[in-house]
Amino acid sequence: RLVPSDKKHRHDWMILPEHAKGAKDGDLVAARLLPHRGYGPKKAEIVDIFGHSDYPKDASIQAIAAHGIPMGFSDDERSDAAAA
């Protein structure tokens, strides 16, 4: 199960083993909801694993993800930096 950090989502999400992508208990992850009809827990799949929730950067990573700020650099940005 995934416990969303965003308080808009009041319920846990179900992560099936084939959608876990190696995430372990306590990992800080990004997930997306899967199409859902009917009753029962909503299902989601792990999109990215940021690290363990005990890390000091936990709050920063959550804020960055919540506001859609990209993490890391694109290939073009890395090429430009290498050329400079």
PDB file of N, CA and C in Angstrom:
ATOM      1  N   ARG A   1       0.838  -1.202   0.000  1.00  0.00           N
ATOM      2  CA  ARG A   1       0.000   0.000   0.000  1.00  0.00           C
ATOM      3  C   ARG A   1       0.864   1.239   0.000  1.00  0.00           C
ATOM      4  N   LEU A   2       0.318   2.274  -0.583  1.00  0.00           N
ATOM      5  CA  LEU A   2       0.998   3.564  -0.658  1.00  0.00           C
ATOM      6  C   LEU A   2       0.175   4.576   0.132  1.00  0.00           C
ATOM      7  N   VAL A   3       0.836   5.306   1.002  1.00  0.00           N
ATOM      8  CA  VAL A   3       0.179   6.360   1.768  1.00  0.00           C
ATOM      9  C   VAL A   3       0.556   7.684   1.109  1.00  0.00           C
ATOM     10  N   PRO A   4      -0.382   8.355   0.427  1.00  0.00           N
ATOM     11  CA  PRO A   4      -0.057   9.613  -0.246  1.00  0.00           C
ATOM     12  C   PRO A   4       0.325  10.704   0.759  1.00  0.00           C
ATOM     13  N   SER A   5       1.327  11.493   0.412  1.00  0.00           N
ATOM     14  CA  SER A   5       1.720  12.608   1.282  1.00  0.00           C
ATOM     15  C   SER A   5       0.832  13.823   1.030  1.00  0.00           C
ATOM     16  N   ASP A   6       0.184  13.867  -0.128  1.00  0.00           N
ATOM     17  CA  ASP A   6      -0.728  14.961  -0.456  1.00  0.00           C
ATOM     18  C   ASP A   6      -2.050  14.728   0.268  1.00  0.00           C
ATOM     19  N   LYS A   7      -2.434  15.658   1.115  1.00  0.00           N
ATOM     20  CA  LYS A   7      -3.632  15.497   1.940  1.00  0.00           C
ATOM     21  C   LYS A   7      -4.935  15.507   1.138  1.00  0.00           C
ATOM     22  N   LYS A   8      -4.877  15.880  -0.158  1.00  0.00           N
ATOM     23  CA  LYS A   8      -6.075  15.808  -1.007  1.00  0.00           C
ATOM     24  C   LYS A   8      -6.525  14.359  -1.178  1.00  0.00           C
ATOM     25  N   HIS A   9      -5.588  13.451  -1.099  1.00  0.00           N
ATOM     26  CA  HIS A   9      -5.888  12.028  -1.252  1.00  0.00           C
ATOM     27  C   HIS A   9      -6.058  11.441   0.138  1.00  0.00           C
ATOM     28  N   ARG A  10      -7.295  11.111   0.495  1.00  0.00           N
ATOM     29  CA  ARG A  10      -7.600  10.690   1.862  1.00  0.00           C
ATOM     30  C   ARG A  10      -7.368   9.213   2.118  1.00  0.00           C
ATOM     31  N   HIS A  11      -7.236   8.418   1.060  1.00  0.00           N
ATOM     32  CA  HIS A  11      -7.135   6.974   1.239  1.00  0.00           C
ATOM     33  C   HIS A  11      -5.817   6.449   0.669  1.00  0.00           C
ATOM     34  N   ASP A  12      -5.384   5.334   1.229  1.00  0.00           N
ATOM     35  CA  ASP A  12      -4.196   4.658   0.702  1.00  0.00           C
ATOM     36  C   ASP A  12      -4.482   4.112  -0.694  1.00  0.00           C
ATOM     37  N   TRP A  13      -3.433   3.918  -1.451  1.00  0.00           N
ATOM     38  CA  TRP A  13      -3.556   3.326  -2.783  1.00  0.00           C
ATOM     39  C   TRP A  13      -2.939   1.937  -2.743  1.00  0.00           C
ATOM     40  N   MET A  14      -3.484   1.037  -3.527  1.00  0.00           N
ATOM     41  CA  MET A  14      -2.981  -0.324  -3.615  1.00  0.00           C
ATOM     42  C   MET A  14      -1.920  -0.388  -4.717  1.00  0.00           C
ATOM     43  N   ILE A  15      -0.766  -0.935  -4.378  1.00  0.00           N
ATOM     44  CA  ILE A  15       0.307  -1.143  -5.356  1.00  0.00           C
ATOM     45  C   ILE A  15       0.445  -2.650  -5.542  1.00  0.00           C
ATOM     46  N   LEU A  16       0.130  -3.137  -6.717  1.00  0.00           N
ATOM     47  CA  LEU A  16       0.293  -4.555  -7.014  1.00  0.00           C
ATOM     48  C   LEU A  16       1.773  -4.847  -7.246  1.00  0.00           C
ATOM     49  N   PRO A  17       2.225  -6.062  -6.967  1.00  0.00           N
ATOM     50  CA  PRO A  17       3.655  -6.384  -7.111  1.00  0.00           C
ATOM     51  C   PRO A  17       4.229  -6.043  -8.482  1.00  0.00           C
ATOM     52  N   GLU A  18       3.454  -6.239  -9.530  1.00  0.00           N
ATOM     53  CA  GLU A  18       3.967  -5.945 -10.881  1.00  0.00           C
ATOM     54  C   GLU A  18       4.100  -4.446 -11.150  1.00  0.00           C
ATOM     55  N   HIS A  19       3.589  -3.616 -10.254  1.00  0.00           N
ATOM     56  CA  HIS A  19       3.663  -2.163 -10.424  1.00  0.00           C
ATOM     57  C   HIS A  19       4.579  -1.518  -9.383  1.00  0.00           C
ATOM     58  N   ALA A  20       5.247  -2.325  -8.556  1.00  0.00           N
ATOM     59  CA  ALA A  20       6.072  -1.789  -7.466  1.00  0.00           C
ATOM     60  C   ALA A  20       7.431  -1.280  -7.940  1.00  0.00           C
ATOM     61  N   LYS A  21       7.949  -1.808  -9.039  1.00  0.00           N
ATOM     62  CA  LYS A  21       9.233  -1.397  -9.608  1.00  0.00           C
ATOM     63  C   LYS A  21      10.378  -1.420  -8.589  1.00  0.00           C
ATOM     64  N   GLY A  22      10.332  -2.364  -7.666  1.00  0.00           N
ATOM     65  CA  GLY A  22      11.417  -2.524  -6.707  1.00  0.00           C
ATOM     66  C   GLY A  22      11.317  -1.646  -5.470  1.00  0.00           C
ATOM     67  N   ALA A  23      10.251  -0.887  -5.325  1.00  0.00           N
ATOM     68  CA  ALA A  23      10.089  -0.038  -4.139  1.00  0.00           C
ATOM     69  C   ALA A  23       9.918  -0.922  -2.908  1.00  0.00           C
ATOM     70  N   LYS A  24      10.500  -0.465  -1.796  1.00  0.00           N
ATOM     71  CA  LYS A  24      10.413  -1.203  -0.544  1.00  0.00           C
ATOM     72  C   LYS A  24       9.648  -0.385   0.485  1.00  0.00           C
ATOM     73  N   ASP A  25       9.249  -1.035   1.556  1.00  0.00           N
ATOM     74  CA  ASP A  25       8.530  -0.369   2.630  1.00  0.00           C
ATOM     75  C   ASP A  25       9.353   0.811   3.150  1.00  0.00           C
ATOM     76  N   GLY A  26       8.733   1.991   3.217  1.00  0.00           N
ATOM     77  CA  GLY A  26       9.415   3.188   3.705  1.00  0.00           C
ATOM     78  C   GLY A  26      10.051   4.032   2.623  1.00  0.00           C
ATOM     79  N   ASP A  27      10.045   3.570   1.365  1.00  0.00           N
ATOM     80  CA  ASP A  27      10.620   4.361   0.273  1.00  0.00           C
ATOM     81  C   ASP A  27       9.733   5.556  -0.053  1.00  0.00           C
ATOM     82  N   LEU A  28      10.362   6.639  -0.430  1.00  0.00           N
ATOM     83  CA  LEU A  28       9.664   7.828  -0.910  1.00  0.00           C
ATOM     84  C   LEU A  28       9.568   7.694  -2.428  1.00  0.00           C
ATOM     85  N   VAL A  29       8.349   7.656  -2.952  1.00  0.00           N
ATOM     86  CA  VAL A  29       8.142   7.362  -4.369  1.00  0.00           C
ATOM     87  C   VAL A  29       7.206   8.364  -5.015  1.00  0.00           C
ATOM     88  N   ALA A  30       7.238   8.395  -6.334  1.00  0.00           N
ATOM     89  CA  ALA A  30       6.218   9.070  -7.136  1.00  0.00           C
ATOM     90  C   ALA A  30       5.379   7.962  -7.751  1.00  0.00           C
ATOM     91  N   ALA A  31       4.071   8.156  -7.755  1.00  0.00           N
ATOM     92  CA  ALA A  31       3.176   7.146  -8.298  1.00  0.00           C
ATOM     93  C   ALA A  31       2.081   7.824  -9.104  1.00  0.00           C
ATOM     94  N   ARG A  32       1.464   7.040  -9.962  1.00  0.00           N
ATOM     95  CA  ARG A  32       0.316   7.561 -10.708  1.00  0.00           C
ATOM     96  C   ARG A  32      -0.825   6.570 -10.554  1.00  0.00           C
ATOM     97  N   LEU A  33      -2.018   7.137 -10.441  1.00  0.00           N
ATOM     98  CA  LEU A  33      -3.202   6.299 -10.314  1.00  0.00           C
ATOM     99  C   LEU A  33      -3.475   5.568 -11.619  1.00  0.00           C
ATOM    100  N   LEU A  34      -3.906   4.343 -11.502  1.00  0.00           N
ATOM    101  CA  LEU A  34      -4.309   3.555 -12.664  1.00  0.00           C
ATOM    102  C   LEU A  34      -5.813   3.720 -12.859  1.00  0.00           C
ATOM    103  N   PRO A  35      -6.310   3.499 -14.073  1.00  0.00           N
ATOM    104  CA  PRO A  35      -7.757   3.598 -14.301  1.00  0.00           C
ATOM    105  C   PRO A  35      -8.500   2.717 -13.297  1.00  0.00           C
ATOM    106  N   HIS A  36      -9.598   3.256 -12.782  1.00  0.00           N
ATOM    107  CA  HIS A  36     -10.306   2.565 -11.710  1.00  0.00           C
ATOM    108  C   HIS A  36     -11.813   2.716 -11.907  1.00  0.00           C
ATOM    109  N   ARG A  37     -12.509   1.612 -11.766  1.00  0.00           N
ATOM    110  CA  ARG A  37     -13.972   1.630 -11.799  1.00  0.00           C
ATOM    111  C   ARG A  37     -14.486   0.854 -10.600  1.00  0.00           C
ATOM    112  N   GLY A  38     -15.592   1.281 -10.109  1.00  0.00           N
ATOM    113  CA  GLY A  38     -16.228   0.520  -9.051  1.00  0.00           C
ATOM    114  C   GLY A  38     -15.694   0.844  -7.670  1.00  0.00           C
ATOM    115  N   TYR A  39     -15.816  -0.133  -6.806  1.00  0.00           N
ATOM    116  CA  TYR A  39     -15.469   0.040  -5.405  1.00  0.00           C
ATOM    117  C   TYR A  39     -14.122  -0.587  -5.100  1.00  0.00           C
ATOM    118  N   GLY A  40     -13.675  -0.371  -3.882  1.00  0.00           N
ATOM    119  CA  GLY A  40     -12.415  -0.950  -3.455  1.00  0.00           C
ATOM    120  C   GLY A  40     -11.302   0.065  -3.530  1.00  0.00           C
ATOM    121  N   PRO A  41     -10.122  -0.340  -3.101  1.00  0.00           N
ATOM    122  CA  PRO A  41      -8.999   0.612  -3.082  1.00  0.00           C
ATOM    123  C   PRO A  41      -8.568   1.005  -4.490  1.00  0.00           C
ATOM    124  N   LYS A  42      -8.148   2.240  -4.614  1.00  0.00           N
ATOM    125  CA  LYS A  42      -7.613   2.698  -5.901  1.00  0.00           C
ATOM    126  C   LYS A  42      -6.249   2.064  -6.101  1.00  0.00           C
ATOM    127  N   LYS A  43      -5.961   1.727  -7.346  1.00  0.00           N
ATOM    128  CA  LYS A  43      -4.673   1.102  -7.668  1.00  0.00           C
ATOM    129  C   LYS A  43      -3.760   2.133  -8.322  1.00  0.00           C
ATOM    130  N   ALA A  44      -2.467   1.989  -8.059  1.00  0.00           N
ATOM    131  CA  ALA A  44      -1.475   2.910  -8.613  1.00  0.00           C
ATOM    132  C   ALA A  44      -0.231   2.127  -8.993  1.00  0.00           C
ATOM    133  N   GLU A  45       0.609   2.768  -9.789  1.00  0.00           N
ATOM    134  CA  GLU A  45       1.907   2.179 -10.114  1.00  0.00           C
ATOM    135  C   GLU A  45       3.002   3.165  -9.739  1.00  0.00           C
ATOM    136  N   ILE A  46       4.128   2.623  -9.317  1.00  0.00           N
ATOM    137  CA  ILE A  46       5.281   3.438  -8.957  1.00  0.00           C
ATOM    138  C   ILE A  46       5.907   3.965 -10.243  1.00  0.00           C
ATOM    139  N   VAL A  47       6.169   5.265 -10.280  1.00  0.00           N
ATOM    140  CA  VAL A  47       6.795   5.896 -11.439  1.00  0.00           C
ATOM    141  C   VAL A  47       8.277   6.130 -11.175  1.00  0.00           C
ATOM    142  N   ASP A  48       8.621   6.526  -9.950  1.00  0.00           N
ATOM    143  CA  ASP A  48      10.007   6.829  -9.610  1.00  0.00           C
ATOM    144  C   ASP A  48      10.228   6.585  -8.121  1.00  0.00           C
ATOM    145  N   ILE A  49      11.425   6.167  -7.773  1.00  0.00           N
ATOM    146  CA  ILE A  49      11.802   5.965  -6.375  1.00  0.00           C
ATOM    147  C   ILE A  49      12.868   7.001  -6.046  1.00  0.00           C
ATOM    148  N   PHE A  50      12.592   7.850  -5.034  1.00  0.00           N
ATOM    149  CA  PHE A  50      13.507   8.930  -4.677  1.00  0.00           C
ATOM    150  C   PHE A  50      14.476   8.539  -3.576  1.00  0.00           C
ATOM    151  N   GLY A  51      14.138   7.590  -2.765  1.00  0.00           N
ATOM    152  CA  GLY A  51      14.973   7.185  -1.642  1.00  0.00           C
ATOM    153  C   GLY A  51      14.093   6.777  -0.482  1.00  0.00           C
ATOM    154  N   HIS A  52      14.689   6.638   0.676  1.00  0.00           N
ATOM    155  CA  HIS A  52      13.952   6.219   1.861  1.00  0.00           C
ATOM    156  C   HIS A  52      13.412   7.432   2.595  1.00  0.00           C
ATOM    157  N   SER A  53      12.248   7.302   3.194  1.00  0.00           N
ATOM    158  CA  SER A  53      11.585   8.433   3.846  1.00  0.00           C
ATOM    159  C   SER A  53      12.323   8.937   5.081  1.00  0.00           C
ATOM    160  N   ASP A  54      13.314   8.218   5.577  1.00  0.00           N
ATOM    161  CA  ASP A  54      14.098   8.668   6.733  1.00  0.00           C
ATOM    162  C   ASP A  54      15.215   9.634   6.345  1.00  0.00           C
ATOM    163  N   TYR A  55      15.454   9.828   5.069  1.00  0.00           N
ATOM    164  CA  TYR A  55      16.534  10.708   4.624  1.00  0.00           C
ATOM    165  C   TYR A  55      16.231  12.150   4.990  1.00  0.00           C
ATOM    166  N   PRO A  56      17.244  12.928   5.324  1.00  0.00           N
ATOM    167  CA  PRO A  56      17.023  14.332   5.698  1.00  0.00           C
ATOM    168  C   PRO A  56      16.399  15.167   4.592  1.00  0.00           C
ATOM    169  N   LYS A  57      16.603  14.793   3.329  1.00  0.00           N
ATOM    170  CA  LYS A  57      16.068  15.560   2.200  1.00  0.00           C
ATOM    171  C   LYS A  57      14.600  15.272   1.926  1.00  0.00           C
ATOM    172  N   ASP A  58      13.974  14.463   2.764  1.00  0.00           N
ATOM    173  CA  ASP A  58      12.595  14.011   2.555  1.00  0.00           C
ATOM    174  C   ASP A  58      11.637  15.162   2.270  1.00  0.00           C
ATOM    175  N   ALA A  59      11.623  16.184   3.097  1.00  0.00           N
ATOM    176  CA  ALA A  59      10.688  17.300   2.918  1.00  0.00           C
ATOM    177  C   ALA A  59      10.961  18.055   1.627  1.00  0.00           C
ATOM    178  N   SER A  60      12.222  18.231   1.279  1.00  0.00           N
ATOM    179  CA  SER A  60      12.565  18.937   0.043  1.00  0.00           C
ATOM    180  C   SER A  60      12.099  18.164  -1.178  1.00  0.00           C
ATOM    181  N   ILE A  61      12.317  16.861  -1.170  1.00  0.00           N
ATOM    182  CA  ILE A  61      11.914  16.038  -2.306  1.00  0.00           C
ATOM    183  C   ILE A  61      10.397  16.067  -2.465  1.00  0.00           C
ATOM    184  N   GLN A  62       9.659  16.017  -1.366  1.00  0.00           N
ATOM    185  CA  GLN A  62       8.202  16.070  -1.440  1.00  0.00           C
ATOM    186  C   GLN A  62       7.732  17.405  -2.003  1.00  0.00           C
ATOM    187  N   ALA A  63       8.351  18.503  -1.575  1.00  0.00           N
ATOM    188  CA  ALA A  63       7.963  19.828  -2.065  1.00  0.00           C
ATOM    189  C   ALA A  63       8.271  19.967  -3.552  1.00  0.00           C
ATOM    190  N   ILE A  64       9.430  19.496  -3.974  1.00  0.00           N
ATOM    191  CA  ILE A  64       9.814  19.567  -5.387  1.00  0.00           C
ATOM    192  C   ILE A  64       8.816  18.783  -6.239  1.00  0.00           C
ATOM    193  N   ALA A  65       8.489  17.577  -5.810  1.00  0.00           N
ATOM    194  CA  ALA A  65       7.549  16.737  -6.571  1.00  0.00           C
ATOM    195  C   ALA A  65       6.148  17.339  -6.574  1.00  0.00           C
ATOM    196  N   ALA A  66       5.718  17.877  -5.452  1.00  0.00           N
ATOM    197  CA  ALA A  66       4.362  18.439  -5.350  1.00  0.00           C
ATOM    198  C   ALA A  66       4.161  19.628  -6.280  1.00  0.00           C
ATOM    199  N   HIS A  67       5.230  20.368  -6.555  1.00  0.00           N
ATOM    200  CA  HIS A  67       5.119  21.554  -7.403  1.00  0.00           C
ATOM    201  C   HIS A  67       5.570  21.307  -8.840  1.00  0.00           C
ATOM    202  N   GLY A  68       5.863  20.051  -9.172  1.00  0.00           N
ATOM    203  CA  GLY A  68       6.215  19.706 -10.538  1.00  0.00           C
ATOM    204  C   GLY A  68       7.555  20.258 -10.995  1.00  0.00           C
ATOM    205  N   ILE A  69       8.449  20.520 -10.059  1.00  0.00           N
ATOM    206  CA  ILE A  69       9.780  21.029 -10.412  1.00  0.00           C
ATOM    207  C   ILE A  69      10.613  19.847 -10.888  1.00  0.00           C
ATOM    208  N   PRO A  70      11.210  19.942 -12.069  1.00  0.00           N
ATOM    209  CA  PRO A  70      11.997  18.810 -12.567  1.00  0.00           C
ATOM    210  C   PRO A  70      13.231  18.568 -11.705  1.00  0.00           C
ATOM    211  N   MET A  71      13.536  17.294 -11.511  1.00  0.00           N
ATOM    212  CA  MET A  71      14.737  16.910 -10.771  1.00  0.00           C
ATOM    213  C   MET A  71      15.773  16.427 -11.764  1.00  0.00           C
ATOM    214  N   GLY A  72      16.980  16.918 -11.640  1.00  0.00           N
ATOM    215  CA  GLY A  72      18.029  16.518 -12.561  1.00  0.00           C
ATOM    216  C   GLY A  72      18.022  17.394 -13.800  1.00  0.00           C
ATOM    217  N   PHE A  73      18.767  16.981 -14.806  1.00  0.00           N
ATOM    218  CA  PHE A  73      18.917  17.764 -16.030  1.00  0.00           C
ATOM    219  C   PHE A  73      18.596  16.905 -17.243  1.00  0.00           C
ATOM    220  N   SER A  74      18.107  17.544 -18.289  1.00  0.00           N
ATOM    221  CA  SER A  74      17.817  16.831 -19.533  1.00  0.00           C
ATOM    222  C   SER A  74      19.126  16.562 -20.269  1.00  0.00           C
ATOM    223  N   ASP A  75      19.065  15.704 -21.280  1.00  0.00           N
ATOM    224  CA  ASP A  75      20.259  15.417 -22.087  1.00  0.00           C
ATOM    225  C   ASP A  75      20.785  16.683 -22.757  1.00  0.00           C
ATOM    226  N   ASP A  76      19.875  17.534 -23.261  1.00  0.00           N
ATOM    227  CA  ASP A  76      20.286  18.784 -23.903  1.00  0.00           C
ATOM    228  C   ASP A  76      21.016  19.696 -22.915  1.00  0.00           C
ATOM    229  N   GLU A  77      20.490  19.781 -21.694  1.00  0.00           N
ATOM    230  CA  GLU A  77      21.128  20.616 -20.686  1.00  0.00           C
ATOM    231  C   GLU A  77      22.510  20.096 -20.317  1.00  0.00           C
ATOM    232  N   ARG A  78      22.652  18.788 -20.233  1.00  0.00           N
ATOM    233  CA  ARG A  78      23.971  18.202 -19.940  1.00  0.00           C
ATOM    234  C   ARG A  78      24.943  18.457 -21.089  1.00  0.00           C
ATOM    235  N   SER A  79      24.467  18.365 -22.321  1.00  0.00           N
ATOM    236  CA  SER A  79      25.321  18.635 -23.487  1.00  0.00           C
ATOM    237  C   SER A  79      25.790  20.075 -23.502  1.00  0.00           C
ATOM    238  N   ASP A  80      24.865  21.000 -23.228  1.00  0.00           N
ATOM    239  CA  ASP A  80      25.211  22.429 -23.177  1.00  0.00           C
ATOM    240  C   ASP A  80      26.243  22.697 -22.091  1.00  0.00           C
ATOM    241  N   ALA A  81      26.078  22.062 -20.934  1.00  0.00           N
ATOM    242  CA  ALA A  81      27.032  22.258 -19.834  1.00  0.00           C
ATOM    243  C   ALA A  81      28.398  21.696 -20.195  1.00  0.00           C
ATOM    244  N   ALA A  82      28.427  20.551 -20.861  1.00  0.00           N
ATOM    245  CA  ALA A  82      29.702  19.955 -21.250  1.00  0.00           C
ATOM    246  C   ALA A  82      30.400  20.831 -22.299  1.00  0.00           C
ATOM    247  N   ALA A  83      29.622  21.417 -23.203  1.00  0.00           N
ATOM    248  CA  ALA A  83      30.202  22.278 -24.234  1.00  0.00           C
ATOM    249  C   ALA A  83      30.748  23.567 -23.641  1.00  0.00           C
ATOM    250  N   ALA A  84      30.151  24.029 -22.560  1.00  0.00           N
ATOM    251  CA  ALA A  84      30.621  25.282 -21.933  1.00  0.00           C
ATOM    252  C   ALA A  84      31.904  25.003 -21.203  1.00  0.00           C
TER     253      ALA A  84
END
